[in-house]
Amino acid sequence: VAQDIINNVKLKCCGIKVLYKNKQGITMCGIVGYIGFRDAYPILIQGLKRLEYRGYDSAGVALINNEGVMNVYKEKGKVSNLEALTSQRDISGQIGIAHTRWATHGEPSAINAHPHVSQSGRLALVHNGIIENYSNLKILLEKEGYTFKSSTDTEVLVQLIEYMQKKYDKSLENATIMALRMVVGAYAIAVIDKNCPDKIVVARKSSPLVIGIGADHKEFFIASDALPIVEYTKQMVYLNDNEVALLKIGKKIEINNLNYEDITPEVKEVNISLESLEKGGFEHFMLKEIYDQPRCMADCMRGRLLLNEKRIVLSTINMHRERLMKAERFIIVACGTSWHAGLIGKQLIEQWANIPVEVEYASEFRYRNPVISPDDVVIAISQSGETADTLAAFQLAKENKAMCFGIVNVVGSSIARASDTGIYIHVGPEIGVASTKAFTGQVTVLTLFALALGHERGTISKEEYESTIEELGNIPEKIKSVLAKDEEIKDIARSLTYAENALYMGRGFNYPVALEGALKLKEISYIHAEGYPAAEMKHGPIALIDENMPVVFVATHHQLYKKIISNIEEVKARNGRIIAVVTEGDEAVKEIAEATIEVPSTLASLAPLLSAIPLQLIAYHVAVEKGLNVDQPRNLAKSVTVE
């Protein structure tokens, strides 16, 4: 009978056509859990605050106190609202789960907030992801007498686990496996049972989940990533898809897959500086991360860029030289800011390694039935390493026996583990939703890789190879000189505060920078902005230009400089408001533009590492001037872990 349920036979017998709604949405909810000898509440609340960049529609916590009573508190809005709600409530207990939500199913409200509780009040569950067939499961449960308080897919899951637990007299862990075998969708979950206050059950599929192990297994920590728990333990287990873990005080982690097969956990040591999780005196994480970029670039290049020897050492090329040398094509798959970095990487690889490169939106690539061969190298770029579309595109490449190459920031992330090889960008945690240092880190890694590969293939001259290495070593100090112009950039940004639209233009290596600058302005200031190759202006966008239209040109003294001067003149002739990023000492653009921001001279191939910085600062200062929440812009979360 249980197998019949798993196969949805019961649904069919009820005359219900099994249709998956496939409700797709953006989600990056944050999960925290604790079981051990400490008070759980402070750990959970602090963890939620560190995960709030993943979602801030609502927050909630479930605790089991020493009398076996489960207390559940939920509130709409930010974690601070939840703190206010619980200030006069019973928050005792040494086991608990908590959640900060970014809504996909059901509007943001206290009722729809997590944790969700089963009908009997015995179980509580938190969930990151989407249960695509929740409506069919809900109908099944309603026929069994279950009622629902919320409009979420998550409440269906906790009710289903309780149904399995009661109907078949199963343990919490086995009931969870039975329920998950019926689920279609993505999930990272943590479940507690007030009748079993000595254990937590967790599981994942296509959504990240990490388990922190305390000394002698006397305590366990659960989180969506390592950031909320790294101050308590460095020993982490990253769950893989379709794995269910039982955490029981004093016992080692027990992991099974959905076929009830035992899995041996792989424990990794994670080193994250606690200072990187704080603002460090800056008003916002975004500004801190912009200012972090010189140090981050140095960290990214450390041990890889050997300035004294004028060479680049990458273990990925040493270990996979033959396959990389034989590659007939590179395919870069990415989303958002990472896609922009990929556009720069395309130019670098083609210029220095003489290998054709395609750059694809992962969300389109995965559904397009693309032609992939075993001689291709598919490069997935993702800050979090958890972007759902990018991960799915990567898995498609793996199925077609292409080489899978990951460029990620988060150690132990899903893309990192799915990779045949790759490079970490090592820029440290990025908390601000709008990516800044991850972008320059990705471009730096792509630069190192393209240079090293070109050198191995003999497609870059010794002179260009060594001169580029030398200049790359100078970039961190040159970024500092751009950051020193922050007050000047702040004054220029004020002129954009009341704009309703903006255009960003660039050419060559600076065209992706224009795209990235426009994205930053959209993300945090809510001003509609579009990036274009400057030469395309006459093919449509020029019709938008009038005295109210700011046009930001990335016009450093490199490729097609004279032609971009001509584009600037065309905007000037139509009374457009021109702001330009130029090379130090530029006089030609200064005579035409309303305002200019100078960056140090560098090679054309490295220009994005400097020209991106003023555009990040412009977006930041416009948002601050408008009184907006820079680190947590509306409708956005840090990463998209469900398509």
Foldseek 3Di string as FASTA:
>chain_A
DLVCVLVVVVLVVVVHDQDFQQQFDFFQKKKKWKAFDDWTVVLQLLLQVLSCLRAFQKKKKWAQAPVLDIDIFIFGGGSVVRCVVCVPPDRGHRTMMMMHTDDRWAHRGRQPHDQAAEPVRFKTKDKTWAQRRLVSLVVVVVVVVGDGDTRGSNNSLNNQLVCQCPVVVDDSQLSNLSSVSNTDIWIWMWMDGSVCSFKIKIAGALAWKKKFAAPLLRMIMIISACLSPVVRHQKMFIDYHQKMWMRGGNDDIWIAGSVRDTDDTDIDGDDADNVLSDCVPDPDLLVSLLVLQLVLLCQLCPPAQDLVVLAGDDVVCVVCVVLLLQAQEEEEEEDDLQLLLVVLLQLLQCQQQVHHYHGDHLQCQLPVPDDAALSYEYEYEDAQLSFSSSLSNQVVNVVRNHAYEYEYAGPPHPSCVSHPYYGYLRSGDRQFLQDDSSSLSSNSRSNSVSLNNSVVNVRHDPVVSSVQSNQSVVLSVLLVVLVVCLVVLLVVLVVCLPAQEEEEEEADSCQSLSQSLQVLLCQQSVRHYHGDHLVCCVVPVVVVAALRYEYEYAQEPAPPNVVVLVSLVSSLVRNGAYEYEYAPPDDSVVVRHPYYRHGHDDYPSCVSSRSNSSSSSSSVSSNVVNVTDRRRGPPGRNHGSTD
